[in-house]
All heavy atoms as atom14 arrays in JSON, in Angstrom:
{
  "sequence": "ALTGKLVLVQEYGSEIQPGFLIYLPIYAQATEPVTVAARRAALRGFVY",
  "atom14_mask": [
    [1, 1, 1, 1, 1, 0, 0, 0, 0, 0, 0, 0, 0, 0],
    [1, 1, 1, 1, 1, 1, 1, 1, 0, 0, 0, 0, 0, 0],
    [1, 1, 1, 1, 1, 1, 1, 0, 0, 0, 0, 0, 0, 0],
    [1, 1, 1, 1, 0, 0, 0, 0, 0, 0, 0, 0, 0, 0],
    [1, 1, 1, 1, 1, 1, 1, 1, 1, 0, 0, 0, 0, 0],
    [1, 1, 1, 1, 1, 1, 1, 1, 0, 0, 0, 0, 0, 0],
    [1, 1, 1, 1, 1, 1, 1, 0, 0, 0, 0, 0, 0, 0],
    [1, 1, 1, 1, 1, 1, 1, 1, 0, 0, 0, 0, 0, 0],
    [1, 1, 1, 1, 1, 1, 1, 0, 0, 0, 0, 0, 0, 0],
    [1, 1, 1, 1, 1, 1, 1, 1, 1, 0, 0, 0, 0, 0],
    [1, 1, 1, 1, 1, 1, 1, 1, 1, 0, 0, 0, 0, 0],
    [1, 1, 1, 1, 1, 1, 1, 1, 1, 1, 1, 1, 0, 0],
    [1, 1, 1, 1, 0, 0, 0, 0, 0, 0, 0, 0, 0, 0],
    [1, 1, 1, 1, 1, 1, 0, 0, 0, 0, 0, 0, 0, 0],
    [1, 1, 1, 1, 1, 1, 1, 1, 1, 0, 0, 0, 0, 0],
    [1, 1, 1, 1, 1, 1, 1, 1, 0, 0, 0, 0, 0, 0],
    [1, 1, 1, 1, 1, 1, 1, 1, 1, 0, 0, 0, 0, 0],
    [1, 1, 1, 1, 1, 1, 1, 0, 0, 0, 0, 0, 0, 0],
    [1, 1, 1, 1, 0, 0, 0, 0, 0, 0, 0, 0, 0, 0],
    [1, 1, 1, 1, 1, 1, 1, 1, 1, 1, 1, 0, 0, 0],
    [1, 1, 1, 1, 1, 1, 1, 1, 0, 0, 0, 0, 0, 0],
    [1, 1, 1, 1, 1, 1, 1, 1, 0, 0, 0, 0, 0, 0],
    [1, 1, 1, 1, 1, 1, 1, 1, 1, 1, 1, 1, 0, 0],
    [1, 1, 1, 1, 1, 1, 1, 1, 0, 0, 0, 0, 0, 0],
    [1, 1, 1, 1, 1, 1, 1, 0, 0, 0, 0, 0, 0, 0],
    [1, 1, 1, 1, 1, 1, 1, 1, 0, 0, 0, 0, 0, 0],
    [1, 1, 1, 1, 1, 1, 1, 1, 1, 1, 1, 1, 0, 0],
    [1, 1, 1, 1, 1, 0, 0, 0, 0, 0, 0, 0, 0, 0],
    [1, 1, 1, 1, 1, 1, 1, 1, 1, 0, 0, 0, 0, 0],
    [1, 1, 1, 1, 1, 0, 0, 0, 0, 0, 0, 0, 0, 0],
    [1, 1, 1, 1, 1, 1, 1, 0, 0, 0, 0, 0, 0, 0],
    [1, 1, 1, 1, 1, 1, 1, 1, 1, 0, 0, 0, 0, 0],
    [1, 1, 1, 1, 1, 1, 1, 0, 0, 0, 0, 0, 0, 0],
    [1, 1, 1, 1, 1, 1, 1, 0, 0, 0, 0, 0, 0, 0],
    [1, 1, 1, 1, 1, 1, 1, 0, 0, 0, 0, 0, 0, 0],
    [1, 1, 1, 1, 1, 1, 1, 0, 0, 0, 0, 0, 0, 0],
    [1, 1, 1, 1, 1, 0, 0, 0, 0, 0, 0, 0, 0, 0],
    [1, 1, 1, 1, 1, 0, 0, 0, 0, 0, 0, 0, 0, 0],
    [1, 1, 1, 1, 1, 1, 1, 1, 1, 1, 1, 0, 0, 0],
    [1, 1, 1, 1, 1, 1, 1, 1, 1, 1, 1, 0, 0, 0],
    [1, 1, 1, 1, 1, 0, 0, 0, 0, 0, 0, 0, 0, 0],
    [1, 1, 1, 1, 1, 0, 0, 0, 0, 0, 0, 0, 0, 0],
    [1, 1, 1, 1, 1, 1, 1, 1, 0, 0, 0, 0, 0, 0],
    [1, 1, 1, 1, 1, 1, 1, 1, 1, 1, 1, 0, 0, 0],
    [1, 1, 1, 1, 0, 0, 0, 0, 0, 0, 0, 0, 0, 0],
    [1, 1, 1, 1, 1, 1, 1, 1, 1, 1, 1, 0, 0, 0],
    [1, 1, 1, 1, 1, 1, 1, 0, 0, 0, 0, 0, 0, 0],
    [1, 1, 1, 1, 1, 1, 1, 1, 1, 1, 1, 1, 0, 0]
  ],
  "atom14_positions": [
    [[0.84, -1.19, 0.03], [0.03, 0.0, 0.01], [0.92, 1.24, -0.02], [1.83, 1.35, 0.74], [-0.95, 0.0, 1.21], [0.0, 0.0, 0.0], [0.0, 0.0, 0.0], [0.0, 0.0, 0.0], [0.0, 0.0, 0.0], [0.0, 0.0, 0.0], [0.0, 0.0, 0.0], [0.0, 0.0, 0.0], [0.0, 0.0, 0.0], [0.0, 0.0, 0.0]],
    [[0.55, 2.15, -0.88], [1.32, 3.44, -0.99], [0.59, 4.56, -0.28], [-0.66, 4.65, -0.29], [1.42, 3.82, -2.55], [2.09, 5.1, -2.88], [3.58, 4.95, -2.72], [1.78, 5.49, -4.31], [0.0, 0.0, 0.0], [0.0, 0.0, 0.0], [0.0, 0.0, 0.0], [0.0, 0.0, 0.0], [0.0, 0.0, 0.0], [0.0, 0.0, 0.0]],
    [[1.35, 5.41, 0.42], [0.77, 6.58, 1.13], [0.5, 7.67, 0.1], [0.94, 7.67, -1.07], [1.73, 7.12, 2.11], [2.89, 7.69, 1.5], [2.2, 6.06, 3.08], [0.0, 0.0, 0.0], [0.0, 0.0, 0.0], [0.0, 0.0, 0.0], [0.0, 0.0, 0.0], [0.0, 0.0, 0.0], [0.0, 0.0, 0.0], [0.0, 0.0, 0.0]],
    [[-0.3, 8.67, 0.56], [-0.44, 9.87, -0.21], [0.82, 10.76, -0.08], [1.79, 10.44, 0.58], [0.0, 0.0, 0.0], [0.0, 0.0, 0.0], [0.0, 0.0, 0.0], [0.0, 0.0, 0.0], [0.0, 0.0, 0.0], [0.0, 0.0, 0.0], [0.0, 0.0, 0.0], [0.0, 0.0, 0.0], [0.0, 0.0, 0.0], [0.0, 0.0, 0.0]],
    [[0.71, 11.93, -0.69], [1.83, 12.89, -0.56], [2.04, 13.35, 0.87], [1.11, 13.64, 1.58], [1.52, 14.11, -1.45], [2.53, 15.19, -1.37], [2.06, 16.39, -2.22], [3.04, 17.54, -2.1], [2.59, 18.76, -2.87], [0.0, 0.0, 0.0], [0.0, 0.0, 0.0], [0.0, 0.0, 0.0], [0.0, 0.0, 0.0], [0.0, 0.0, 0.0]],
    [[3.3, 13.36, 1.33], [3.55, 13.77, 2.7], [5.03, 14.3, 2.77], [5.79, 14.16, 1.8], [3.33, 12.65, 3.71], [4.01, 11.24, 3.36], [5.46, 11.16, 3.63], [3.3, 10.19, 4.19], [0.0, 0.0, 0.0], [0.0, 0.0, 0.0], [0.0, 0.0, 0.0], [0.0, 0.0, 0.0], [0.0, 0.0, 0.0], [0.0, 0.0, 0.0]],
    [[5.37, 14.81, 3.94], [6.78, 15.17, 4.16], [7.37, 14.18, 5.09], [6.85, 13.9, 6.19], [6.84, 16.63, 4.8], [8.29, 16.99, 5.15], [6.26, 17.64, 3.87], [0.0, 0.0, 0.0], [0.0, 0.0, 0.0], [0.0, 0.0, 0.0], [0.0, 0.0, 0.0], [0.0, 0.0, 0.0], [0.0, 0.0, 0.0], [0.0, 0.0, 0.0]],
    [[8.51, 13.57, 4.76], [9.14, 12.56, 5.47], [9.76, 13.11, 6.78], [10.18, 14.27, 6.85], [10.25, 11.9, 4.69], [9.78, 11.19, 3.37], [11.0, 10.78, 2.53], [8.87, 10.05, 3.66], [0.0, 0.0, 0.0], [0.0, 0.0, 0.0], [0.0, 0.0, 0.0], [0.0, 0.0, 0.0], [0.0, 0.0, 0.0], [0.0, 0.0, 0.0]],
    [[9.78, 12.27, 7.76], [10.45, 12.66, 9.08], [11.9, 13.02, 8.79], [12.49, 13.8, 9.52], [10.3, 11.52, 10.12], [11.0, 11.87, 11.37], [8.84, 11.24, 10.31], [0.0, 0.0, 0.0], [0.0, 0.0, 0.0], [0.0, 0.0, 0.0], [0.0, 0.0, 0.0], [0.0, 0.0, 0.0], [0.0, 0.0, 0.0], [0.0, 0.0, 0.0]],
    [[12.51, 12.36, 7.77], [13.97, 12.55, 7.55], [14.24, 13.9, 6.93], [15.41, 14.31, 6.86], [14.46, 11.47, 6.57], [14.51, 10.06, 7.18], [13.25, 9.29, 6.88], [12.19, 9.86, 6.91], [13.35, 7.98, 6.69], [0.0, 0.0, 0.0], [0.0, 0.0, 0.0], [0.0, 0.0, 0.0], [0.0, 0.0, 0.0], [0.0, 0.0, 0.0]],
    [[13.21, 14.64, 6.54], [13.48, 15.97, 5.87], [13.92, 17.04, 6.92], [13.27, 17.1, 7.98], [12.2, 16.41, 5.16], [11.79, 15.55, 3.97], [12.73, 15.63, 2.82], [13.67, 16.49, 2.85], [12.57, 14.79, 1.95], [0.0, 0.0, 0.0], [0.0, 0.0, 0.0], [0.0, 0.0, 0.0], [0.0, 0.0, 0.0], [0.0, 0.0, 0.0]],
    [[14.88, 17.8, 6.52], [15.29, 18.99, 7.34], [16.11, 19.94, 6.46], [16.47, 19.59, 5.4], [16.09, 18.45, 8.58], [17.38, 17.85, 8.24], [18.61, 18.58, 8.12], [17.5, 16.45, 7.96], [19.78, 18.01, 7.79], [18.68, 15.85, 7.63], [19.82, 16.65, 7.6], [21.01, 16.03, 7.19], [0.0, 0.0, 0.0], [0.0, 0.0, 0.0]],
    [[16.34, 21.12, 6.98], [17.09, 22.08, 6.21], [16.23, 22.74, 5.14], [15.03, 22.88, 5.23], [0.0, 0.0, 0.0], [0.0, 0.0, 0.0], [0.0, 0.0, 0.0], [0.0, 0.0, 0.0], [0.0, 0.0, 0.0], [0.0, 0.0, 0.0], [0.0, 0.0, 0.0], [0.0, 0.0, 0.0], [0.0, 0.0, 0.0], [0.0, 0.0, 0.0]],
    [[16.94, 23.25, 4.15], [16.31, 24.07, 3.08], [15.87, 23.21, 1.88], [15.2, 23.77, 0.95], [17.27, 25.12, 2.64], [18.47, 24.57, 2.11], [0.0, 0.0, 0.0], [0.0, 0.0, 0.0], [0.0, 0.0, 0.0], [0.0, 0.0, 0.0], [0.0, 0.0, 0.0], [0.0, 0.0, 0.0], [0.0, 0.0, 0.0], [0.0, 0.0, 0.0]],
    [[16.26, 21.93, 1.78], [15.9, 21.17, 0.62], [14.76, 20.13, 0.87], [14.83, 18.95, 0.52], [17.13, 20.42, 0.11], [18.27, 21.31, -0.34], [19.46, 20.52, -0.82], [19.48, 19.36, -0.73], [20.41, 21.21, -1.35], [0.0, 0.0, 0.0], [0.0, 0.0, 0.0], [0.0, 0.0, 0.0], [0.0, 0.0, 0.0], [0.0, 0.0, 0.0]],
    [[13.71, 20.64, 1.53], [12.61, 19.74, 1.84], [11.81, 19.58, 0.56], [11.51, 20.44, -0.19], [11.71, 20.4, 2.95], [12.54, 20.51, 4.25], [10.45, 19.61, 3.09], [11.74, 21.19, 5.34], [0.0, 0.0, 0.0], [0.0, 0.0, 0.0], [0.0, 0.0, 0.0], [0.0, 0.0, 0.0], [0.0, 0.0, 0.0], [0.0, 0.0, 0.0]],
    [[11.4, 18.31, 0.34], [10.65, 17.95, -0.85], [9.54, 16.85, -0.47], [9.67, 16.23, 0.55], [11.6, 17.36, -1.88], [12.42, 16.14, -1.43], [13.26, 15.6, -2.53], [12.91, 14.69, -3.3], [14.47, 16.2, -2.7], [0.0, 0.0, 0.0], [0.0, 0.0, 0.0], [0.0, 0.0, 0.0], [0.0, 0.0, 0.0], [0.0, 0.0, 0.0]],
    [[8.55, 16.74, -1.32], [7.53, 15.69, -1.01], [8.14, 14.3, -0.99], [9.19, 14.05, -1.59], [6.52, 15.87, -2.16], [6.84, 17.21, -2.77], [8.29, 17.45, -2.54], [0.0, 0.0, 0.0], [0.0, 0.0, 0.0], [0.0, 0.0, 0.0], [0.0, 0.0, 0.0], [0.0, 0.0, 0.0], [0.0, 0.0, 0.0], [0.0, 0.0, 0.0]],
    [[7.43, 13.4, -0.34], [7.84, 12.06, -0.21], [6.65, 11.08, -0.15], [5.51, 11.56, -0.07], [0.0, 0.0, 0.0], [0.0, 0.0, 0.0], [0.0, 0.0, 0.0], [0.0, 0.0, 0.0], [0.0, 0.0, 0.0], [0.0, 0.0, 0.0], [0.0, 0.0, 0.0], [0.0, 0.0, 0.0], [0.0, 0.0, 0.0], [0.0, 0.0, 0.0]],
    [[6.97, 9.82, -0.14], [5.88, 8.82, -0.01], [6.55, 7.5, 0.48], [7.76, 7.29, 0.4], [5.07, 8.52, -1.3], [5.98, 8.28, -2.43], [6.31, 6.99, -2.82], [6.41, 9.34, -3.26], [7.07, 6.73, -3.92], [7.16, 9.07, -4.38], [7.52, 7.8, -4.68], [0.0, 0.0, 0.0], [0.0, 0.0, 0.0], [0.0, 0.0, 0.0]],
    [[5.7, 6.62, 1.04], [6.22, 5.35, 1.56], [5.31, 4.21, 0.99], [4.16, 4.39, 0.73], [6.19, 5.32, 3.09], [6.9, 6.41, 3.86], [5.96, 7.51, 4.25], [7.66, 5.8, 5.09], [0.0, 0.0, 0.0], [0.0, 0.0, 0.0], [0.0, 0.0, 0.0], [0.0, 0.0, 0.0], [0.0, 0.0, 0.0], [0.0, 0.0, 0.0]],
    [[5.92, 3.05, 0.91], [5.17, 1.86, 0.48], [5.29, 0.84, 1.66], [6.36, 0.53, 2.14], [5.73, 1.24, -0.79], [5.83, 2.27, -1.9], [4.88, 0.01, -1.2], [6.47, 1.73, -3.15], [0.0, 0.0, 0.0], [0.0, 0.0, 0.0], [0.0, 0.0, 0.0], [0.0, 0.0, 0.0], [0.0, 0.0, 0.0], [0.0, 0.0, 0.0]],
    [[4.16, 0.33, 2.12], [4.1, -0.62, 3.23], [3.66, -2.02, 2.74], [2.87, -2.13, 1.82], [3.03, -0.18, 4.24], [3.38, 1.12, 4.97], [2.77, 2.3, 4.55], [4.24, 1.17, 6.03], [3.07, 3.5, 5.19], [4.61, 2.35, 6.69], [3.94, 3.5, 6.26], [4.2, 4.71, 6.85], [0.0, 0.0, 0.0], [0.0, 0.0, 0.0]],
    [[4.16, -3.04, 3.39], [3.73, -4.42, 3.19], [3.62, -5.04, 4.61], [4.6, -5.0, 5.36], [4.68, -5.2, 2.31], [4.22, -6.66, 2.01], [3.0, -6.61, 1.1], [5.34, -7.39, 1.27], [0.0, 0.0, 0.0], [0.0, 0.0, 0.0], [0.0, 0.0, 0.0], [0.0, 0.0, 0.0], [0.0, 0.0, 0.0], [0.0, 0.0, 0.0]],
    [[2.43, -5.59, 4.93], [2.26, -6.09, 6.29], [3.06, -7.41, 6.63], [3.28, -8.2, 5.69], [0.73, -6.34, 6.39], [0.37, -6.64, 4.96], [1.25, -5.77, 4.14], [0.0, 0.0, 0.0], [0.0, 0.0, 0.0], [0.0, 0.0, 0.0], [0.0, 0.0, 0.0], [0.0, 0.0, 0.0], [0.0, 0.0, 0.0], [0.0, 0.0, 0.0]],
    [[3.47, -7.5, 7.86], [4.1, -8.75, 8.33], [3.17, -9.32, 9.4], [2.79, -8.62, 10.4], [5.49, -8.45, 8.96], [6.4, -7.82, 7.89], [6.12, -9.67, 9.48], [6.65, -8.67, 6.69], [0.0, 0.0, 0.0], [0.0, 0.0, 0.0], [0.0, 0.0, 0.0], [0.0, 0.0, 0.0], [0.0, 0.0, 0.0], [0.0, 0.0, 0.0]],
    [[2.76, -10.56, 9.2], [1.84, -11.21, 10.17], [2.63, -12.22, 11.04], [3.63, -12.77, 10.63], [0.72, -11.91, 9.45], [-0.1, -11.01, 8.54], [0.05, -11.09, 7.16], [-1.01, -10.08, 9.11], [-0.73, -10.25, 6.34], [-1.72, -9.26, 8.31], [-1.63, -9.35, 6.95], [-2.35, -8.51, 6.15], [0.0, 0.0, 0.0], [0.0, 0.0, 0.0]],
    [[2.06, -12.44, 12.21], [2.74, -13.29, 13.18], [2.39, -14.77, 12.99], [2.12, -15.47, 13.92], [2.34, -12.85, 14.61], [0.0, 0.0, 0.0], [0.0, 0.0, 0.0], [0.0, 0.0, 0.0], [0.0, 0.0, 0.0], [0.0, 0.0, 0.0], [0.0, 0.0, 0.0], [0.0, 0.0, 0.0], [0.0, 0.0, 0.0], [0.0, 0.0, 0.0]],
    [[2.41, -15.18, 11.75], [2.27, -16.61, 11.39], [2.74, -16.84, 10.02], [2.89, -15.92, 9.23], [0.71, -16.98, 11.46], [-0.19, -16.11, 10.54], [-1.68, -16.44, 10.77], [-2.21, -16.13, 11.91], [-2.32, -17.1, 9.88], [0.0, 0.0, 0.0], [0.0, 0.0, 0.0], [0.0, 0.0, 0.0], [0.0, 0.0, 0.0], [0.0, 0.0, 0.0]],
    [[3.09, -18.11, 9.73], [3.86, -18.36, 8.5], [3.0, -18.17, 7.24], [3.47, -17.68, 6.24], [4.34, -19.88, 8.46], [0.0, 0.0, 0.0], [0.0, 0.0, 0.0], [0.0, 0.0, 0.0], [0.0, 0.0, 0.0], [0.0, 0.0, 0.0], [0.0, 0.0, 0.0], [0.0, 0.0, 0.0], [0.0, 0.0, 0.0], [0.0, 0.0, 0.0]],
    [[1.7, -18.52, 7.33], [0.77, -18.34, 6.18], [-0.06, -17.1, 6.41], [-0.47, -16.76, 7.58], [-0.15, -19.5, 5.99], [-0.86, -19.75, 7.17], [0.73, -20.76, 5.71], [0.0, 0.0, 0.0], [0.0, 0.0, 0.0], [0.0, 0.0, 0.0], [0.0, 0.0, 0.0], [0.0, 0.0, 0.0], [0.0, 0.0, 0.0], [0.0, 0.0, 0.0]],
    [[-0.4, -16.4, 5.31], [-1.13, -15.16, 5.45], [-2.59, -15.44, 5.84], [-3.23, -16.31, 5.28], [-1.17, -14.42, 4.07], [-1.96, -13.13, 4.13], [-1.94, -12.46, 2.78], [-1.03, -12.65, 2.03], [-2.92, -11.72, 2.5], [0.0, 0.0, 0.0], [0.0, 0.0, 0.0], [0.0, 0.0, 0.0], [0.0, 0.0, 0.0], [0.0, 0.0, 0.0]],
    [[-3.11, -14.75, 6.9], [-4.5, -14.92, 7.27], [-5.48, -14.65, 6.1], [-5.18, -13.83, 5.22], [-4.7, -13.88, 8.4], [-3.27, -13.59, 8.85], [-2.41, -13.72, 7.65], [0.0, 0.0, 0.0], [0.0, 0.0, 0.0], [0.0, 0.0, 0.0], [0.0, 0.0, 0.0], [0.0, 0.0, 0.0], [0.0, 0.0, 0.0], [0.0, 0.0, 0.0]],
    [[-6.63, -15.29, 6.12], [-7.56, -15.22, 5.03], [-8.5, -14.01, 5.17], [-8.77, -13.32, 4.2], [-8.35, -16.53, 4.89], [-9.34, -16.4, 3.75], [-7.34, -17.69, 4.61], [0.0, 0.0, 0.0], [0.0, 0.0, 0.0], [0.0, 0.0, 0.0], [0.0, 0.0, 0.0], [0.0, 0.0, 0.0], [0.0, 0.0, 0.0], [0.0, 0.0, 0.0]],
    [[-9.06, -13.81, 6.37], [-10.04, -12.76, 6.58], [-9.43, -11.47, 7.09], [-8.28, -11.5, 7.65], [-11.12, -13.24, 7.54], [-10.49, -13.39, 8.87], [-11.7, -14.56, 7.1], [0.0, 0.0, 0.0], [0.0, 0.0, 0.0], [0.0, 0.0, 0.0], [0.0, 0.0, 0.0], [0.0, 0.0, 0.0], [0.0, 0.0, 0.0], [0.0, 0.0, 0.0]],
    [[-10.17, -10.4, 6.96], [-9.68, -9.11, 7.47], [-9.52, -9.17, 8.97], [-8.49, -8.67, 9.51], [-10.68, -7.96, 7.01], [-10.27, -6.65, 7.71], [-10.62, -7.79, 5.53], [0.0, 0.0, 0.0], [0.0, 0.0, 0.0], [0.0, 0.0, 0.0], [0.0, 0.0, 0.0], [0.0, 0.0, 0.0], [0.0, 0.0, 0.0], [0.0, 0.0, 0.0]],
    [[-10.44, -9.75, 9.65], [-10.33, -9.81, 11.08], [-9.12, -10.59, 11.54], [-8.39, -10.25, 12.46], [-11.64, -10.49, 11.69], [0.0, 0.0, 0.0], [0.0, 0.0, 0.0], [0.0, 0.0, 0.0], [0.0, 0.0, 0.0], [0.0, 0.0, 0.0], [0.0, 0.0, 0.0], [0.0, 0.0, 0.0], [0.0, 0.0, 0.0], [0.0, 0.0, 0.0]],
    [[-8.87, -11.69, 10.81], [-7.71, -12.53, 11.13], [-6.4, -11.75, 10.85], [-5.41, -11.85, 11.62], [-7.72, -13.81, 10.39], [0.0, 0.0, 0.0], [0.0, 0.0, 0.0], [0.0, 0.0, 0.0], [0.0, 0.0, 0.0], [0.0, 0.0, 0.0], [0.0, 0.0, 0.0], [0.0, 0.0, 0.0], [0.0, 0.0, 0.0], [0.0, 0.0, 0.0]],
    [[-6.37, -10.94, 9.82], [-5.21, -10.16, 9.49], [-4.95, -9.16, 10.53], [-3.81, -8.91, 10.93], [-5.38, -9.52, 8.12], [-5.31, -10.51, 6.93], [-5.67, -9.84, 5.63], [-5.54, -10.76, 4.55], [-6.33, -10.71, 3.42], [-7.18, -9.7, 3.31], [-6.2, -11.62, 2.47], [0.0, 0.0, 0.0], [0.0, 0.0, 0.0], [0.0, 0.0, 0.0]],
    [[-5.99, -8.44, 10.99], [-5.85, -7.49, 12.03], [-5.34, -8.07, 13.35], [-4.44, -7.5, 14.03], [-7.17, -6.76, 12.28], [-7.55, -5.92, 11.13], [-8.92, -5.19, 11.33], [-9.27, -4.35, 10.24], [-10.37, -3.65, 10.18], [-11.26, -3.69, 11.19], [-10.7, -2.89, 9.09], [0.0, 0.0, 0.0], [0.0, 0.0, 0.0], [0.0, 0.0, 0.0]],
    [[-5.82, -9.27, 13.65], [-5.4, -9.91, 14.93], [-3.96, -10.41, 14.87], [-3.28, -10.45, 15.82], [-6.32, -11.11, 15.18], [0.0, 0.0, 0.0], [0.0, 0.0, 0.0], [0.0, 0.0, 0.0], [0.0, 0.0, 0.0], [0.0, 0.0, 0.0], [0.0, 0.0, 0.0], [0.0, 0.0, 0.0], [0.0, 0.0, 0.0], [0.0, 0.0, 0.0]],
    [[-3.5, -10.88, 13.62], [-2.14, -11.42, 13.5], [-1.06, -10.41, 13.09], [0.04, -10.78, 12.92], [-2.21, -12.54, 12.42], [0.0, 0.0, 0.0], [0.0, 0.0, 0.0], [0.0, 0.0, 0.0], [0.0, 0.0, 0.0], [0.0, 0.0, 0.0], [0.0, 0.0, 0.0], [0.0, 0.0, 0.0], [0.0, 0.0, 0.0], [0.0, 0.0, 0.0]],
    [[-1.49, -9.12, 12.97], [-0.52, -8.12, 12.53], [0.64, -7.96, 13.45], [0.45, -7.75, 14.7], [-1.2, -6.73, 12.36], [-0.29, -5.64, 11.78], [0.11, -5.96, 10.36], [-0.99, -4.31, 11.82], [0.0, 0.0, 0.0], [0.0, 0.0, 0.0], [0.0, 0.0, 0.0], [0.0, 0.0, 0.0], [0.0, 0.0, 0.0], [0.0, 0.0, 0.0]],
    [[1.85, -8.06, 12.91], [3.08, -7.92, 13.68], [3.73, -6.59, 13.48], [4.31, -5.98, 14.32], [3.96, -9.06, 13.31], [5.37, -9.04, 14.03], [6.16, -10.19, 13.53], [7.56, -10.21, 14.03], [8.44, -11.08, 13.67], [8.14, -12.06, 12.8], [9.69, -10.97, 14.13], [0.0, 0.0, 0.0], [0.0, 0.0, 0.0], [0.0, 0.0, 0.0]],
    [[3.64, -6.11, 12.24], [4.23, -4.87, 11.89], [4.27, -4.72, 10.36], [3.54, -5.38, 9.62], [0.0, 0.0, 0.0], [0.0, 0.0, 0.0], [0.0, 0.0, 0.0], [0.0, 0.0, 0.0], [0.0, 0.0, 0.0], [0.0, 0.0, 0.0], [0.0, 0.0, 0.0], [0.0, 0.0, 0.0], [0.0, 0.0, 0.0], [0.0, 0.0, 0.0]],
    [[5.15, -3.87, 9.83], [5.2, -3.59, 8.44], [6.72, -3.45, 7.99], [7.48, -2.81, 8.69], [4.52, -2.27, 8.03], [3.02, -2.23, 8.39], [2.61, -1.84, 9.64], [2.06, -2.58, 7.44], [1.28, -1.83, 9.95], [0.72, -2.54, 7.75], [0.37, -2.14, 9.0], [0.0, 0.0, 0.0], [0.0, 0.0, 0.0], [0.0, 0.0, 0.0]],
    [[6.97, -3.97, 6.81], [8.23, -3.64, 6.11], [7.89, -2.51, 5.18], [6.79, -2.48, 4.62], [8.86, -4.77, 5.34], [9.41, -5.81, 6.29], [7.85, -5.43, 4.44], [0.0, 0.0, 0.0], [0.0, 0.0, 0.0], [0.0, 0.0, 0.0], [0.0, 0.0, 0.0], [0.0, 0.0, 0.0], [0.0, 0.0, 0.0], [0.0, 0.0, 0.0]],
    [[8.74, -1.56, 5.04], [8.37, -0.37, 4.19], [9.65, 0.18, 3.47], [10.72, -0.09, 3.94], [7.69, 0.67, 4.97], [8.6, 1.42, 6.01], [9.18, 2.63, 5.68], [8.94, 0.8, 7.2], [9.99, 3.26, 6.56], [9.74, 1.48, 8.14], [10.33, 2.65, 7.77], [11.16, 3.33, 8.62], [0.0, 0.0, 0.0], [0.0, 0.0, 0.0]]
  ]
}
């Protein structure tokens, strides 16, 4: 999932520019949960 337009936390100084991030969920089980409820319950974090 891609974010909308934003300013990254890493930006500072006079060369600030727009940025965006791409996320992919990491679940706390080897196989991906099937339902939305199961995915929310098994969420461990995100690689991005």
